[in-house]
Amino acid sequence: MTSMDGVVTSGLGQAAHFMSLPWMADTVRRLIGFTPYPGTLNVRLDPDMVSVWRRVQQGRAIVLAPPPPDTCGARLFLVVVAADVEAAVIVPDVTRYGEDLLELIAAVHIRSRLGLRDGDRVTLRILPAPR
């Protein structure tokens, strides 16, 4: 199983709006089975993990297509954080982040659930996308 290591970092604070769009929450719930918490956990990959992430992105993704007139969709890659928090890396069609910064969504506030702070190390285990 593929895994990636990185550190928790603060983001731009814009994910809450995107995650609270009704179509987004409904589509995530329908496709992967949970209603996303309105926000993300940001993880900056270790430098040697960026090439792993590039390979992961070449595989099967779950596509979130927006309804008209919205124009920004996203792709999801399923992961497990720590031992038991199921989540997904969300890659918006439009982002201000570099390829070394991942945004994770989950049904829970991951920081609180795992007691994480900026600078804490995490390992993400990549799960296969459902067919």
Foldseek 3Di string as FASTA:
>chain_A
DDKFKFWWDDDPPPQLVVLPDVLNQVVCCVFPNARWDSFWTKTQTDPVCLVVLVVQVVDDWQWAQDDPPDDKTWTWWWKAKDPHFTWIFIGIPDDPDDSRMTTIIGNDPVCVVPVGDTGDMIMIGTDDRDD
